[in-house]
Amino acid sequence: MARDSLSAMSDSGLRDWILNFVSVLEAAPLGPSEFGLSAELAAAVISASGVYVAAYAKANEEATRGPLSIREKDEARDSLLKVAREAVAVIQANPDTTNNQRQALRVKIRDTTRSVVPPPSVAPTLLVTGVLGNVISVRIKDSTDLNRRAKPEGVNSTTLFYAVGEAPPAEPEGWTFSGTTSKTSTQVQLPPGTAGGTSVWLIAFYANTKTQSGPPSVPVQTWTQVTASNPAQPDGGTTLGADEQSPRLAA
């Protein structure tokens, strides 16, 4: 479980923080209510603060330091953290609390700006690594760096389509959805009964976490596994798109 910023503080750091926190609360023109705190919660924080500061001093003074004083300090710390977290949550949720006030209280200033994640600007490159029956194994590569194993920055997933025919479809409607994957290796499953030696085209595009898609890849051609009743295609291997001699970004 991740630790919050208060739990992560050292004993002395928590002492300094709470002394400042209480001081700012009490110095405000309207008192703790200026930060959205009820009188009861503010009083609980101030009381727990006093107990902890005293217990901290006792546990750190040579004359009084010992197992009992250390245990009392730890118990006072736990009690203080409980009410301090509640107070901080109220302050953060209070719409009237300003960032200047948060800074004075030494409370985290939240980043309210939303980062914009643009659609991917590059297309993937598809490499057919094997064909077994009607299952085509595909490796998805970053077309700007074929030696890179990971997906490009900002890419969350890859969506693949396939089409059967001697040429890749010119219109989107000619492609059949295969699936979406977050991995860099996947498989395309063709319908049962697809004849051996059938020409199959594959295409894909990257997408970000908002499912906004980037440009499509260059279509890649392969053939289903040849059976005894079907002749092999010329060369019996995998080629690139109709006018392509090597993988590259789509024009």
C-alpha atoms as a PDB file:
ATOM      1  CA  MET A   1       0.000   0.000   0.000  1.00  0.00           C
ATOM      2  CA  ALA A   2       1.404   3.383  -0.994  1.00  0.00           C
ATOM      3  CA  ARG A   3       2.235   5.745   1.883  1.00  0.00           C
ATOM      4  CA  ASP A   4       0.688   9.206   1.919  1.00  0.00           C
ATOM      5  CA  SER A   5       2.876  12.278   2.352  1.00  0.00           C
ATOM      6  CA  LEU A   6       2.110  12.584   6.089  1.00  0.00           C
ATOM      7  CA  SER A   7       2.956   8.957   6.840  1.00  0.00           C
ATOM      8  CA  ALA A   8       6.215   9.354   4.937  1.00  0.00           C
ATOM      9  CA  MET A   9       7.349  12.188   7.202  1.00  0.00           C
ATOM     10  CA  SER A  10       9.926  11.554   9.887  1.00  0.00           C
ATOM     11  CA  ASP A  11       8.900  12.180  13.483  1.00  0.00           C
ATOM     12  CA  SER A  12      10.643  15.542  13.497  1.00  0.00           C
ATOM     13  CA  GLY A  13       9.247  16.391  10.078  1.00  0.00           C
ATOM     14  CA  LEU A  14       5.708  15.669  11.249  1.00  0.00           C
ATOM     15  CA  ARG A  15       6.272  17.791  14.371  1.00  0.00           C
ATOM     16  CA  ASP A  16       7.431  20.761  12.278  1.00  0.00           C
ATOM     17  CA  TRP A  17       4.593  20.294   9.803  1.00  0.00           C
ATOM     18  CA  ILE A  18       1.809  20.136  12.392  1.00  0.00           C
ATOM     19  CA  LEU A  19       3.154  23.134  14.333  1.00  0.00           C
ATOM     20  CA  ASN A  20       3.015  25.193  11.152  1.00  0.00           C
ATOM     21  CA  PHE A  21      -0.386  23.748  10.181  1.00  0.00           C
ATOM     22  CA  VAL A  22      -1.982  24.670  13.514  1.00  0.00           C
ATOM     23  CA  SER A  23      -0.330  28.077  13.506  1.00  0.00           C
ATOM     24  CA  VAL A  24      -1.814  28.933  10.093  1.00  0.00           C
ATOM     25  CA  LEU A  25      -5.260  27.675  11.127  1.00  0.00           C
ATOM     26  CA  GLU A  26      -5.297  29.778  14.268  1.00  0.00           C
ATOM     27  CA  ALA A  27      -3.909  32.889  12.552  1.00  0.00           C
ATOM     28  CA  ALA A  28      -6.568  32.943   9.818  1.00  0.00           C
ATOM     29  CA  PRO A  29      -9.051  35.852  10.170  1.00  0.00           C
ATOM     30  CA  LEU A  30     -11.988  33.444  10.298  1.00  0.00           C
ATOM     31  CA  GLY A  31     -10.066  30.717  12.081  1.00  0.00           C
ATOM     32  CA  PRO A  32     -10.206  27.088  10.905  1.00  0.00           C
ATOM     33  CA  SER A  33     -13.618  27.658   9.322  1.00  0.00           C
ATOM     34  CA  GLU A  34     -11.850  29.713   6.653  1.00  0.00           C
ATOM     35  CA  PHE A  35     -10.508  26.395   5.323  1.00  0.00           C
ATOM     36  CA  GLY A  36     -13.811  24.553   5.581  1.00  0.00           C
ATOM     37  CA  LEU A  37     -12.947  22.848   8.881  1.00  0.00           C
ATOM     38  CA  SER A  38     -15.600  22.365  11.530  1.00  0.00           C
ATOM     39  CA  ALA A  39     -14.874  23.550  15.053  1.00  0.00           C
ATOM     40  CA  GLU A  40     -14.900  19.937  16.280  1.00  0.00           C
ATOM     41  CA  LEU A  41     -12.356  18.710  13.708  1.00  0.00           C
ATOM     42  CA  ALA A  42     -10.109  21.729  14.220  1.00  0.00           C
ATOM     43  CA  ALA A  43     -10.175  21.177  17.979  1.00  0.00           C
ATOM     44  CA  ALA A  44      -9.303  17.496  17.494  1.00  0.00           C
ATOM     45  CA  VAL A  45      -6.321  18.409  15.315  1.00  0.00           C
ATOM     46  CA  ILE A  46      -5.060  21.027  17.759  1.00  0.00           C
ATOM     47  CA  SER A  47      -5.442  18.635  20.696  1.00  0.00           C
ATOM     48  CA  ALA A  48      -3.698  15.739  18.902  1.00  0.00           C
ATOM     49  CA  SER A  49      -0.965  18.138  17.836  1.00  0.00           C
ATOM     50  CA  GLY A  50      -0.264  19.159  21.417  1.00  0.00           C
ATOM     51  CA  VAL A  51      -0.164  15.558  22.625  1.00  0.00           C
ATOM     52  CA  TYR A  52       2.190  14.518  19.837  1.00  0.00           C
ATOM     53  CA  VAL A  53       4.595  17.446  20.238  1.00  0.00           C
ATOM     54  CA  ALA A  54       4.850  16.756  23.976  1.00  0.00           C
ATOM     55  CA  ALA A  55       5.291  13.003  23.439  1.00  0.00           C
ATOM     56  CA  TYR A  56       7.934  13.650  20.778  1.00  0.00           C
ATOM     57  CA  ALA A  57       9.911  15.864  23.149  1.00  0.00           C
ATOM     58  CA  LYS A  58       9.679  13.299  25.951  1.00  0.00           C
ATOM     59  CA  ALA A  59      10.834  10.473  23.666  1.00  0.00           C
ATOM     60  CA  ASN A  60      13.829  12.481  22.518  1.00  0.00           C
ATOM     61  CA  GLU A  61      15.036  13.918  25.820  1.00  0.00           C
ATOM     62  CA  GLU A  62      17.858  11.894  27.330  1.00  0.00           C
ATOM     63  CA  ALA A  63      16.356  11.945  30.793  1.00  0.00           C
ATOM     64  CA  THR A  64      12.960  10.612  29.708  1.00  0.00           C
ATOM     65  CA  ARG A  65      13.748   8.565  26.622  1.00  0.00           C
ATOM     66  CA  GLY A  66      12.879   4.892  26.963  1.00  0.00           C
ATOM     67  CA  PRO A  67      10.573   2.145  25.659  1.00  0.00           C
ATOM     68  CA  LEU A  68       7.512   3.651  27.350  1.00  0.00           C
ATOM     69  CA  SER A  69       8.055   7.201  26.070  1.00  0.00           C
ATOM     70  CA  ILE A  70       8.776   5.918  22.562  1.00  0.00           C
ATOM     71  CA  ARG A  71       5.571   3.866  22.580  1.00  0.00           C
ATOM     72  CA  GLU A  72       3.601   6.886  23.763  1.00  0.00           C
ATOM     73  CA  LYS A  73       5.146   8.975  20.982  1.00  0.00           C
ATOM     74  CA  ASP A  74       4.207   6.362  18.369  1.00  0.00           C
ATOM     75  CA  GLU A  75       0.634   6.161  19.667  1.00  0.00           C
ATOM     76  CA  ALA A  76       0.352   9.965  19.651  1.00  0.00           C
ATOM     77  CA  ARG A  77       1.686  10.007  16.092  1.00  0.00           C
ATOM     78  CA  ASP A  78      -0.951   7.516  14.915  1.00  0.00           C
ATOM     79  CA  SER A  79      -3.726   9.542  16.560  1.00  0.00           C
ATOM     80  CA  LEU A  80      -2.446  12.757  15.024  1.00  0.00           C
ATOM     81  CA  LEU A  81      -2.154  11.250  11.543  1.00  0.00           C
ATOM     82  CA  LYS A  82      -5.757  10.084  11.683  1.00  0.00           C
ATOM     83  CA  VAL A  83      -7.243  13.520  12.361  1.00  0.00           C
ATOM     84  CA  ALA A  84      -4.654  15.372  10.251  1.00  0.00           C
ATOM     85  CA  ARG A  85      -5.528  13.280   7.166  1.00  0.00           C
ATOM     86  CA  GLU A  86      -9.207  14.029   7.719  1.00  0.00           C
ATOM     87  CA  ALA A  87      -8.496  17.750   8.032  1.00  0.00           C
ATOM     88  CA  VAL A  88      -6.323  17.805   4.915  1.00  0.00           C
ATOM     89  CA  ALA A  89      -9.030  15.965   2.944  1.00  0.00           C
ATOM     90  CA  VAL A  90     -11.617  18.580   3.982  1.00  0.00           C
ATOM     91  CA  ILE A  91      -9.268  21.426   3.042  1.00  0.00           C
ATOM     92  CA  GLN A  92      -8.520  19.894  -0.343  1.00  0.00           C
ATOM     93  CA  ALA A  93     -12.224  19.384  -1.060  1.00  0.00           C
ATOM     94  CA  ASN A  94     -13.175  22.910   0.037  1.00  0.00           C
ATOM     95  CA  PRO A  95     -13.762  24.948  -3.154  1.00  0.00           C
ATOM     96  CA  ASP A  96     -12.869  28.183  -1.327  1.00  0.00           C
ATOM     97  CA  THR A  97      -9.380  27.021  -0.337  1.00  0.00           C
ATOM     98  CA  THR A  98      -6.800  28.798  -2.486  1.00  0.00           C
ATOM     99  CA  ASN A  99      -3.421  27.479  -3.564  1.00  0.00           C
ATOM    100  CA  ASN A 100      -1.775  30.250  -1.532  1.00  0.00           C
ATOM    101  CA  GLN A 101      -3.524  28.894   1.556  1.00  0.00           C
ATOM    102  CA  ARG A 102      -2.474  25.338   0.693  1.00  0.00           C
ATOM    103  CA  GLN A 103       1.089  26.526   0.343  1.00  0.00           C
ATOM    104  CA  ALA A 104       0.944  28.249   3.732  1.00  0.00           C
ATOM    105  CA  LEU A 105      -0.440  25.083   5.311  1.00  0.00           C
ATOM    106  CA  ARG A 106       2.178  23.000   3.471  1.00  0.00           C
ATOM    107  CA  VAL A 107      -0.572  20.960   1.881  1.00  0.00           C
ATOM    108  CA  LYS A 108       0.008  19.550  -1.582  1.00  0.00           C
ATOM    109  CA  ILE A 109      -1.158  21.760  -4.432  1.00  0.00           C
ATOM    110  CA  ARG A 110      -2.977  19.580  -6.889  1.00  0.00           C
ATOM    111  CA  ASP A 111      -2.319  19.823 -10.603  1.00  0.00           C
ATOM    112  CA  THR A 112      -5.692  20.643 -12.125  1.00  0.00           C
ATOM    113  CA  THR A 113      -4.441  20.885 -15.695  1.00  0.00           C
ATOM    114  CA  ARG A 114      -5.348  17.898 -17.821  1.00  0.00           C
ATOM    115  CA  SER A 115      -2.550  16.562 -19.967  1.00  0.00           C
ATOM    116  CA  VAL A 116      -3.454  16.147 -23.626  1.00  0.00           C
ATOM    117  CA  VAL A 117      -2.586  12.785 -25.135  1.00  0.00           C
ATOM    118  CA  PRO A 118      -2.474  13.190 -28.921  1.00  0.00           C
ATOM    119  CA  PRO A 119      -3.333  10.339 -31.299  1.00  0.00           C
ATOM    120  CA  PRO A 120      -0.310   8.315 -32.416  1.00  0.00           C
ATOM    121  CA  SER A 121       1.571  10.026 -35.235  1.00  0.00           C
ATOM    122  CA  VAL A 122       3.271   6.904 -36.565  1.00  0.00           C
ATOM    123  CA  ALA A 123       2.005   3.732 -38.161  1.00  0.00           C
ATOM    124  CA  PRO A 124       3.016   0.234 -37.097  1.00  0.00           C
ATOM    125  CA  THR A 125       4.882  -2.176 -39.332  1.00  0.00           C
ATOM    126  CA  LEU A 126       3.498  -5.726 -39.485  1.00  0.00           C
ATOM    127  CA  LEU A 127       5.846  -8.677 -39.859  1.00  0.00           C
ATOM    128  CA  VAL A 128       4.325 -12.094 -40.485  1.00  0.00           C
ATOM    129  CA  THR A 129       6.360 -14.564 -38.442  1.00  0.00           C
ATOM    130  CA  GLY A 130       4.432 -17.732 -39.245  1.00  0.00           C
ATOM    131  CA  VAL A 131       1.276 -19.300 -40.651  1.00  0.00           C
ATOM    132  CA  LEU A 132      -0.244 -22.448 -39.197  1.00  0.00           C
ATOM    133  CA  GLY A 133      -3.451 -23.460 -40.953  1.00  0.00           C
ATOM    134  CA  ASN A 134      -5.668 -20.391 -40.739  1.00  0.00           C
ATOM    135  CA  VAL A 135      -3.767 -18.770 -37.873  1.00  0.00           C
ATOM    136  CA  ILE A 136      -1.314 -16.031 -38.827  1.00  0.00           C
ATOM    137  CA  SER A 137       1.344 -15.009 -36.292  1.00  0.00           C
ATOM    138  CA  VAL A 138       2.263 -11.335 -36.469  1.00  0.00           C
ATOM    139  CA  ARG A 139       4.910  -9.164 -34.869  1.00  0.00           C
ATOM    140  CA  ILE A 140       4.074  -5.458 -34.513  1.00  0.00           C
ATOM    141  CA  LYS A 141       7.040  -3.127 -34.904  1.00  0.00           C
ATOM    142  CA  ASP A 142       7.585   0.594 -34.548  1.00  0.00           C
ATOM    143  CA  SER A 143       7.986   1.685 -38.176  1.00  0.00           C
ATOM    144  CA  THR A 144      10.355   4.480 -37.153  1.00  0.00           C
ATOM    145  CA  ASP A 145      12.718   2.028 -35.432  1.00  0.00           C
ATOM    146  CA  LEU A 146      12.407  -1.635 -36.387  1.00  0.00           C
ATOM    147  CA  ASN A 147      14.973  -2.605 -33.756  1.00  0.00           C
ATOM    148  CA  ARG A 148      12.816  -1.205 -30.972  1.00  0.00           C
ATOM    149  CA  ARG A 149      10.983  -3.865 -28.967  1.00  0.00           C
ATOM    150  CA  ALA A 150       8.525  -1.615 -27.136  1.00  0.00           C
ATOM    151  CA  LYS A 151       5.585   0.317 -28.525  1.00  0.00           C
ATOM    152  CA  PRO A 152       6.166   3.981 -29.429  1.00  0.00           C
ATOM    153  CA  GLU A 153       5.534   6.564 -26.718  1.00  0.00           C
ATOM    154  CA  GLY A 154       1.851   7.391 -26.333  1.00  0.00           C
ATOM    155  CA  VAL A 155       0.708   4.113 -27.920  1.00  0.00           C
ATOM    156  CA  ASN A 156      -1.599   1.967 -25.809  1.00  0.00           C
ATOM    157  CA  SER A 157      -2.805  -0.675 -28.250  1.00  0.00           C
ATOM    158  CA  THR A 158      -2.810  -1.926 -31.845  1.00  0.00           C
ATOM    159  CA  THR A 159      -5.949  -2.802 -33.808  1.00  0.00           C
ATOM    160  CA  LEU A 160      -5.642  -5.282 -36.672  1.00  0.00           C
ATOM    161  CA  PHE A 161      -7.807  -6.021 -39.705  1.00  0.00           C
ATOM    162  CA  TYR A 162      -7.567  -8.586 -42.491  1.00  0.00           C
ATOM    163  CA  ALA A 163      -8.943  -9.006 -46.001  1.00  0.00           C
ATOM    164  CA  VAL A 164      -8.999 -11.949 -48.424  1.00  0.00           C
ATOM    165  CA  GLY A 165      -8.118 -11.288 -52.065  1.00  0.00           C
ATOM    166  CA  GLU A 166      -5.332 -10.767 -54.552  1.00  0.00           C
ATOM    167  CA  ALA A 167      -5.116  -7.037 -53.774  1.00  0.00           C
ATOM    168  CA  PRO A 168      -5.693  -5.035 -50.576  1.00  0.00           C
ATOM    169  CA  PRO A 169      -9.086  -3.300 -50.388  1.00  0.00           C
ATOM    170  CA  ALA A 170      -9.088   0.358 -51.356  1.00  0.00           C
ATOM    171  CA  GLU A 171     -11.968   1.206 -48.991  1.00  0.00           C
ATOM    172  CA  PRO A 172     -12.245   0.674 -45.210  1.00  0.00           C
ATOM    173  CA  GLU A 173     -15.407  -1.388 -45.669  1.00  0.00           C
ATOM    174  CA  GLY A 174     -13.368  -4.086 -47.386  1.00  0.00           C
ATOM    175  CA  TRP A 175     -11.432  -4.898 -44.211  1.00  0.00           C
ATOM    176  CA  THR A 176     -12.592  -7.284 -41.450  1.00  0.00           C
ATOM    177  CA  PHE A 177     -11.837  -6.536 -37.812  1.00  0.00           C
ATOM    178  CA  SER A 178      -9.475  -9.099 -36.269  1.00  0.00           C
ATOM    179  CA  GLY A 179      -8.819  -7.761 -32.793  1.00  0.00           C
ATOM    180  CA  THR A 180      -7.040  -5.270 -30.545  1.00  0.00           C
ATOM    181  CA  THR A 181      -3.945  -6.060 -28.518  1.00  0.00           C
ATOM    182  CA  SER A 182      -1.614  -4.257 -26.146  1.00  0.00           C
ATOM    183  CA  LYS A 183       1.220  -6.661 -26.972  1.00  0.00           C
ATOM    184  CA  THR A 184       3.799  -6.484 -29.761  1.00  0.00           C
ATOM    185  CA  SER A 185       3.123 -10.055 -30.909  1.00  0.00           C
ATOM    186  CA  THR A 186      -0.302 -11.446 -31.718  1.00  0.00           C
ATOM    187  CA  GLN A 187      -2.246 -13.812 -33.951  1.00  0.00           C
ATOM    188  CA  VAL A 188      -4.901 -13.274 -36.606  1.00  0.00           C
ATOM    189  CA  GLN A 189      -7.483 -16.044 -36.725  1.00  0.00           C
ATOM    190  CA  LEU A 190      -9.190 -16.489 -40.114  1.00  0.00           C
ATOM    191  CA  PRO A 191     -12.679 -18.007 -40.415  1.00  0.00           C
ATOM    192  CA  PRO A 192     -12.905 -21.813 -40.408  1.00  0.00           C
ATOM    193  CA  GLY A 193     -13.004 -23.230 -43.893  1.00  0.00           C
ATOM    194  CA  THR A 194     -10.671 -20.659 -45.426  1.00  0.00           C
ATOM    195  CA  ALA A 195      -8.921 -22.609 -48.194  1.00  0.00           C
ATOM    196  CA  GLY A 196      -5.223 -23.295 -48.066  1.00  0.00           C
ATOM    197  CA  GLY A 197      -3.165 -21.013 -50.253  1.00  0.00           C
ATOM    198  CA  THR A 198      -5.665 -18.156 -49.855  1.00  0.00           C
ATOM    199  CA  SER A 199      -4.157 -14.684 -50.265  1.00  0.00           C
ATOM    200  CA  VAL A 200      -4.652 -12.664 -47.087  1.00  0.00           C
ATOM    201  CA  TRP A 201      -3.846  -9.002 -46.441  1.00  0.00           C
ATOM    202  CA  LEU A 202      -3.229  -7.530 -43.011  1.00  0.00           C
ATOM    203  CA  ILE A 203      -3.346  -3.912 -41.870  1.00  0.00           C
ATOM    204  CA  ALA A 204      -3.212  -2.220 -38.468  1.00  0.00           C
ATOM    205  CA  PHE A 205      -3.142   1.097 -36.643  1.00  0.00           C
ATOM    206  CA  TYR A 206      -1.964   2.268 -33.247  1.00  0.00           C
ATOM    207  CA  ALA A 207      -4.292   3.892 -30.694  1.00  0.00           C
ATOM    208  CA  ASN A 208      -3.742   5.901 -27.504  1.00  0.00           C
ATOM    209  CA  THR A 209      -5.456   5.427 -24.146  1.00  0.00           C
ATOM    210  CA  LYS A 210      -8.483   7.356 -25.442  1.00  0.00           C
ATOM    211  CA  THR A 211      -8.756   4.899 -28.384  1.00  0.00           C
ATOM    212  CA  GLN A 212      -7.834   7.677 -30.803  1.00  0.00           C
ATOM    213  CA  SER A 213      -6.184   6.022 -33.771  1.00  0.00           C
ATOM    214  CA  GLY A 214      -3.111   6.900 -35.778  1.00  0.00           C
ATOM    215  CA  PRO A 215      -2.333   6.300 -39.466  1.00  0.00           C
ATOM    216  CA  PRO A 216      -2.705   2.775 -40.904  1.00  0.00           C
ATOM    217  CA  SER A 217       0.226   0.507 -41.646  1.00  0.00           C
ATOM    218  CA  VAL A 218       1.336  -0.581 -45.092  1.00  0.00           C
ATOM    219  CA  PRO A 219      -0.810  -3.609 -46.018  1.00  0.00           C
ATOM    220  CA  VAL A 220       1.098  -6.896 -45.733  1.00  0.00           C
ATOM    221  CA  GLN A 221       0.279 -10.004 -47.780  1.00  0.00           C
ATOM    222  CA  THR A 222       0.643 -13.660 -46.835  1.00  0.00           C
ATOM    223  CA  TRP A 223      -1.105 -16.929 -47.611  1.00  0.00           C
ATOM    224  CA  THR A 224      -2.885 -19.512 -45.534  1.00  0.00           C
ATOM    225  CA  GLN A 225      -1.125 -22.833 -45.107  1.00  0.00           C
ATOM    226  CA  VAL A 226      -1.220 -24.926 -48.250  1.00  0.00           C
ATOM    227  CA  THR A 227      -2.895 -28.319 -48.076  1.00  0.00           C
ATOM    228  CA  ALA A 228      -2.510 -31.292 -50.387  1.00  0.00           C
ATOM    229  CA  SER A 229      -5.604 -30.267 -52.329  1.00  0.00           C
ATOM    230  CA  ASN A 230      -4.460 -26.659 -52.895  1.00  0.00           C
ATOM    231  CA  PRO A 231      -1.401 -25.546 -54.905  1.00  0.00           C
ATOM    232  CA  ALA A 232       1.122 -23.185 -53.328  1.00  0.00           C
ATOM    233  CA  GLN A 233       1.188 -19.505 -54.205  1.00  0.00           C
ATOM    234  CA  PRO A 234       4.231 -18.222 -56.155  1.00  0.00           C
ATOM    235  CA  ASP A 235       7.312 -18.117 -53.879  1.00  0.00           C
ATOM    236  CA  GLY A 236       5.172 -19.595 -51.079  1.00  0.00           C
ATOM    237  CA  GLY A 237       6.194 -16.803 -48.740  1.00  0.00           C
ATOM    238  CA  THR A 238       5.307 -13.388 -47.358  1.00  0.00           C
ATOM    239  CA  THR A 239       5.528 -10.193 -49.379  1.00  0.00           C
ATOM    240  CA  LEU A 240       4.815  -6.567 -48.663  1.00  0.00           C
ATOM    241  CA  GLY A 241       2.117  -4.315 -50.054  1.00  0.00           C
ATOM    242  CA  ALA A 242       1.506  -4.103 -53.771  1.00  0.00           C
ATOM    243  CA  ASP A 243       3.981  -1.311 -54.503  1.00  0.00           C
ATOM    244  CA  GLU A 244       6.224  -1.691 -51.467  1.00  0.00           C
ATOM    245  CA  GLN A 245       9.636  -3.349 -51.331  1.00  0.00           C
ATOM    246  CA  SER A 246      10.285  -2.707 -47.630  1.00  0.00           C
ATOM    247  CA  PRO A 247       8.183  -1.707 -44.607  1.00  0.00           C
ATOM    248  CA  ARG A 248       7.763   2.023 -44.163  1.00  0.00           C
ATOM    249  CA  LEU A 249       5.213   4.605 -43.044  1.00  0.00           C
ATOM    250  CA  ALA A 250       2.089   4.798 -45.142  1.00  0.00           C
ATOM    251  CA  ALA A 251       2.160   7.703 -47.573  1.00  0.00           C
END
